[in-house]
Amino acid sequence: MGESKVGERPAVGIKVAHKSHNDVKLYFDKGNGLLLRSEYRYKDWMTGTEREMVSTYDGYKDVGGLKLPTKIEMKRDGNKFVEAENEDVKPAEKLDASVFAKP
């Protein structure tokens, strides 16, 4: 999709397409490669209408060697739907193998 801006930040957008799913547009920070925004359309199961979800990601912090967003805002059809901020993110030391077992 080429270059654009997310807020004031230069970004590069790509579209992910699959024949069995709706397209997803992803916008990455041109300077550091981190995800800034995602967009997709979906069918609302309650109303049967098609809707648009736009999510923005910010406040990236290093967590166990991974850069994770601490601020996420989601807008459904242009209206704020979710606004979240996580101040304390810690990686798990070790997960028990049963976590990954088939149910």
Protein backbone atom coordinates (compact mmCIF):
# COMPACT_ATOMS: atom_id res chain seq x y z
CA MET A 1 0.00 0.00 0.00
CA GLY A 2 3.04 2.25 0.18
CA GLU A 3 3.94 5.11 2.49
CA SER A 4 1.52 7.13 4.61
CA LYS A 5 1.30 8.65 8.09
CA VAL A 6 -0.24 7.37 11.29
CA GLY A 7 -0.74 10.48 13.35
CA GLU A 8 2.49 12.37 12.78
CA ARG A 9 4.62 9.27 12.24
CA PRO A 10 5.79 8.16 8.79
CA ALA A 11 4.51 4.66 8.10
CA VAL A 12 4.56 1.91 5.50
CA GLY A 13 1.34 -0.02 4.92
CA ILE A 14 0.76 -3.55 3.70
CA LYS A 15 -2.46 -5.41 2.96
CA VAL A 16 -2.80 -9.03 4.04
CA ALA A 17 -5.29 -10.95 1.91
CA HIS A 18 -6.65 -14.49 2.04
CA LYS A 19 -9.51 -15.93 0.02
CA SER A 20 -11.32 -17.19 3.15
CA HIS A 21 -10.97 -14.02 5.27
CA ASN A 22 -11.43 -10.27 5.00
CA ASP A 23 -8.37 -8.19 4.14
CA VAL A 24 -6.31 -6.68 6.96
CA LYS A 25 -4.31 -3.49 6.53
CA LEU A 26 -1.21 -3.10 8.71
CA TYR A 27 0.80 0.10 9.09
CA PHE A 28 4.34 -0.06 10.44
CA ASP A 29 6.55 2.76 11.73
CA LYS A 30 8.97 3.59 8.94
CA GLY A 31 11.79 4.29 11.42
CA ASN A 32 11.62 1.31 13.77
CA GLY A 33 9.30 -1.21 12.06
CA LEU A 34 6.82 -1.42 14.96
CA LEU A 35 3.10 -1.85 14.28
CA LEU A 36 1.25 1.47 14.57
CA ARG A 37 -2.20 0.66 13.21
CA SER A 38 -4.39 -2.18 11.93
CA GLU A 39 -7.66 -1.96 9.99
CA TYR A 40 -10.19 -4.59 8.97
CA ARG A 41 -13.86 -5.04 8.17
CA TYR A 42 -16.00 -7.74 9.78
CA LYS A 43 -19.59 -8.87 9.97
CA ASP A 44 -21.24 -8.03 13.29
CA TRP A 45 -22.79 -11.28 14.53
CA MET A 46 -25.56 -9.44 16.39
CA THR A 47 -26.77 -7.16 13.60
CA GLY A 48 -25.46 -8.93 10.50
CA THR A 49 -24.03 -5.61 9.25
CA GLU A 50 -20.48 -5.04 8.08
CA ARG A 51 -18.37 -2.90 10.39
CA GLU A 52 -14.88 -1.43 10.42
CA MET A 53 -12.36 -1.88 13.26
CA VAL A 54 -9.30 0.37 13.45
CA SER A 55 -6.72 -0.22 16.19
CA THR A 56 -3.71 1.95 17.03
CA TYR A 57 -0.71 0.83 19.07
CA ASP A 58 1.69 3.05 21.04
CA GLY A 59 3.90 3.24 24.11
CA TYR A 60 6.12 0.34 23.12
CA LYS A 61 8.33 -1.06 25.89
CA ASP A 62 10.93 -3.81 25.94
CA VAL A 63 9.50 -6.87 27.70
CA GLY A 64 11.81 -9.84 27.87
CA GLY A 65 13.52 -8.86 24.64
CA LEU A 66 10.26 -8.13 22.77
CA LYS A 67 8.86 -4.69 21.98
CA LEU A 68 5.20 -4.69 23.10
CA PRO A 69 2.65 -1.86 22.92
CA THR A 70 1.40 -0.63 26.29
CA LYS A 71 -1.33 1.61 24.80
CA ILE A 72 -4.04 0.34 22.47
CA GLU A 73 -7.06 2.20 21.14
CA MET A 74 -9.77 0.53 19.09
CA LYS A 75 -12.41 2.36 17.07
CA ARG A 76 -15.45 0.65 15.63
CA ASP A 77 -16.98 2.55 12.70
CA GLY A 78 -15.00 5.64 13.78
CA ASN A 79 -16.26 5.60 17.39
CA LYS A 80 -13.95 4.79 20.30
CA PHE A 81 -14.68 1.22 21.37
CA VAL A 82 -11.72 0.31 23.62
CA GLU A 83 -8.92 2.33 25.15
CA ALA A 84 -6.40 0.38 27.20
CA GLU A 85 -3.08 1.05 28.86
CA ASN A 86 -0.96 -1.60 30.53
CA GLU A 87 1.71 -0.24 32.85
CA ASP A 88 3.13 -3.51 34.18
CA VAL A 89 3.93 -6.18 31.60
CA LYS A 90 6.15 -9.08 32.61
CA PRO A 91 7.03 -12.23 30.65
CA ALA A 92 6.27 -15.58 32.21
CA GLU A 93 9.32 -17.31 33.62
CA LYS A 94 8.25 -20.70 32.33
CA LEU A 95 4.92 -22.15 31.28
CA ASP A 96 3.90 -25.69 32.17
CA ALA A 97 3.66 -27.97 29.13
CA SER A 98 0.00 -28.67 29.99
CA VAL A 99 -0.83 -25.11 28.88
CA PHE A 100 -0.18 -26.24 25.30
CA ALA A 101 -1.85 -29.64 25.52
CA LYS A 102 -4.84 -30.37 23.31
CA PRO A 103 -8.13 -30.15 25.19
